[in-house]
Each structure stands twice: as C-alpha cells, then as structure tokens.
Amino acid sequence: MLSISVYDNIIFDEQNAHAESLFVDRGGRVLRFALKPGQMIGEHNAPSSPMYILIMQGSGIFSGGDQKAQRFGRGMMLAFDVGETHAILAEDEELVFLAFLHGVPEELKGISPELE
C-alpha cells in the first residue's frame, strides 16, 4: 500500500497556477493544483479521460461544457466528461484541489516502465 499526504508541501507559484503529479501509474493519475487569488486555468479539456475534482481548500469559479460559471468550495467534488471543456478561477482566496484522471496520456508513456 502506498500513502501520500495531499496536504503536505503545497506549492503556490507567484505568476501561474501550479500543478504537480502526486501519483501516476498505468491506471491513472492524481494531480494537485494550487492557485493564488486571481489566478486561473483557461479553457481546456482532457481528451482521453473523464476528470474528477475534489476541492481541498478555498473556493473558486468553475465552468464546464455548459459554459455556466459556478462557485464551489472545500469538500465539493466535480465530475467532467471525457473531452468536456472546463475552466477554473480562484477569486479572493487560495484554491487547492485534486484532479483524478484515468489512464496515462500517450505523451507520458515511455517515461517510466510502470506507465507502459
């Protein structure tokens, strides 16, 4: 069994949202995002996986494929379909969330034998 503390060593970048991999294997990956107030992650999508977000700290404005912007905070889980466009804005407080995705994108395969 592997254990990872998701609250330890959270890194905030002064200029941009910070993303880091907490865990990656053949079955999927867990990313941690940290945004300072005013930072955003522009519209994008995960073309080969649904994405599940768990908000750990703060609140922010999230929009999905329906383009409706909604505020969500700590303890909320959001689910985005495969390829669903989404964007995120941290308004007036720091925002930290985990993103869970299935599989490993082609560009990451070959980096390590356990990802094959």
Protein backbone atom coordinates (compact mmCIF):
# COMPACT_ATOMS: atom_id res chain seq x y z
CA MET A 1 0.00 0.00 0.00
CA LEU A 2 1.16 3.48 -0.83
CA SER A 3 0.15 6.51 1.22
CA ILE A 4 0.50 10.15 0.19
CA SER A 5 -0.30 13.22 2.27
CA VAL A 6 -2.20 15.54 -0.03
CA TYR A 7 -1.87 18.50 2.37
CA ASP A 8 1.93 18.48 2.74
CA ASN A 9 4.23 20.80 0.78
CA ILE A 10 1.61 22.62 -1.27
CA ILE A 11 3.38 24.91 -3.73
CA PHE A 12 1.91 28.19 -4.99
CA ASP A 13 3.53 29.90 -7.98
CA GLU A 14 3.51 33.70 -7.92
CA GLN A 15 2.73 34.01 -11.64
CA ASN A 16 0.62 30.99 -12.65
CA ALA A 17 -1.48 28.18 -11.27
CA HIS A 18 0.77 25.39 -10.03
CA ALA A 19 0.12 21.76 -11.00
CA GLU A 20 2.02 18.73 -9.79
CA SER A 21 1.62 14.97 -10.11
CA LEU A 22 1.09 13.29 -6.77
CA PHE A 23 0.70 9.82 -8.27
CA VAL A 24 0.93 8.29 -11.76
CA ASP A 25 0.61 4.68 -12.90
CA ARG A 26 -0.94 2.70 -15.78
CA GLY A 27 -4.42 3.07 -14.35
CA GLY A 28 -4.48 6.81 -13.87
CA ARG A 29 -3.03 9.85 -12.22
CA VAL A 30 -3.72 12.26 -9.40
CA LEU A 31 -2.72 15.90 -9.85
CA ARG A 32 -2.74 18.64 -7.22
CA PHE A 33 -3.43 22.21 -8.32
CA ALA A 34 -2.74 25.32 -6.24
CA LEU A 35 -3.93 28.77 -7.32
CA LYS A 36 -3.38 32.12 -5.65
CA PRO A 37 -6.24 34.64 -5.69
CA GLY A 38 -6.84 35.93 -9.21
CA GLN A 39 -5.06 33.05 -10.95
CA MET A 40 -6.90 30.95 -13.48
CA ILE A 41 -6.66 27.86 -15.60
CA GLY A 42 -8.09 28.75 -19.00
CA GLU A 43 -10.43 26.60 -21.06
CA HIS A 44 -9.03 23.17 -21.82
CA ASN A 45 -10.12 19.53 -21.73
CA ALA A 46 -8.89 16.02 -21.01
CA PRO A 47 -9.46 14.31 -24.38
CA SER A 48 -8.92 10.73 -23.21
CA SER A 49 -10.32 10.64 -19.68
CA PRO A 50 -13.14 11.87 -17.50
CA MET A 51 -11.82 14.17 -14.79
CA TYR A 52 -12.93 14.23 -11.17
CA ILE A 53 -12.03 17.22 -9.00
CA LEU A 54 -12.04 17.30 -5.19
CA ILE A 55 -11.69 20.79 -3.70
CA MET A 56 -9.45 20.68 -0.61
CA GLN A 57 -9.05 24.37 0.27
CA GLY A 58 -10.73 27.63 -0.62
CA SER A 59 -13.32 28.20 -3.31
CA GLY A 60 -13.33 29.17 -6.94
CA ILE A 61 -15.38 29.63 -10.06
CA PHE A 62 -15.62 26.52 -12.24
CA SER A 63 -17.23 26.27 -15.65
CA GLY A 64 -17.92 23.13 -17.65
CA GLY A 65 -19.22 22.21 -21.07
CA ASP A 66 -22.43 24.16 -20.49
CA GLN A 67 -20.35 27.37 -20.06
CA LYS A 68 -22.18 28.17 -16.80
CA ALA A 69 -19.75 29.54 -14.21
CA GLN A 70 -20.49 28.37 -10.67
CA ARG A 71 -18.76 28.84 -7.32
CA PHE A 72 -17.69 25.68 -5.50
CA GLY A 73 -15.72 25.32 -2.29
CA ARG A 74 -13.96 22.95 0.07
CA GLY A 75 -15.38 19.46 0.19
CA MET A 76 -17.14 19.60 -3.17
CA MET A 77 -16.48 17.05 -5.90
CA LEU A 78 -16.96 17.91 -9.57
CA ALA A 79 -17.10 15.47 -12.49
CA PHE A 80 -16.25 16.38 -16.08
CA ASP A 81 -16.91 14.04 -19.01
CA VAL A 82 -14.20 12.88 -21.42
CA GLY A 83 -13.30 15.89 -23.59
CA GLU A 84 -15.55 18.31 -21.69
CA THR A 85 -14.15 21.83 -21.83
CA HIS A 86 -13.67 23.45 -18.44
CA ALA A 87 -12.01 26.49 -16.81
CA ILE A 88 -11.19 27.49 -13.23
CA LEU A 89 -10.70 30.85 -11.46
CA ALA A 90 -9.52 31.45 -7.88
CA GLU A 91 -11.24 34.65 -6.85
CA ASP A 92 -10.28 36.16 -3.50
CA GLU A 93 -8.66 33.22 -1.68
CA GLU A 94 -6.16 30.45 -2.35
CA LEU A 95 -7.67 27.43 -4.10
CA VAL A 96 -6.27 23.89 -3.84
CA PHE A 97 -7.85 20.86 -5.49
CA LEU A 98 -7.04 17.34 -6.62
CA ALA A 99 -7.81 16.09 -10.12
CA PHE A 100 -8.22 12.36 -10.75
CA LEU A 101 -7.88 11.06 -14.33
CA HIS A 102 -8.00 7.58 -15.87
CA GLY A 103 -5.13 6.09 -17.83
CA VAL A 104 -1.93 7.77 -18.94
CA PRO A 105 -1.76 10.12 -21.95
CA GLU A 106 0.43 8.99 -24.86
CA GLU A 107 2.97 11.76 -24.21
CA LEU A 108 3.71 10.33 -20.74
CA LYS A 109 4.13 6.73 -21.84
CA GLY A 110 7.73 5.64 -22.12
CA ILE A 111 8.90 7.90 -19.29
CA SER A 112 8.91 5.00 -16.87
CA PRO A 113 8.34 1.23 -17.24
CA GLU A 114 5.38 1.22 -14.84
CA LEU A 115 3.47 3.50 -17.24
CA GLU A 116 3.66 1.06 -20.16
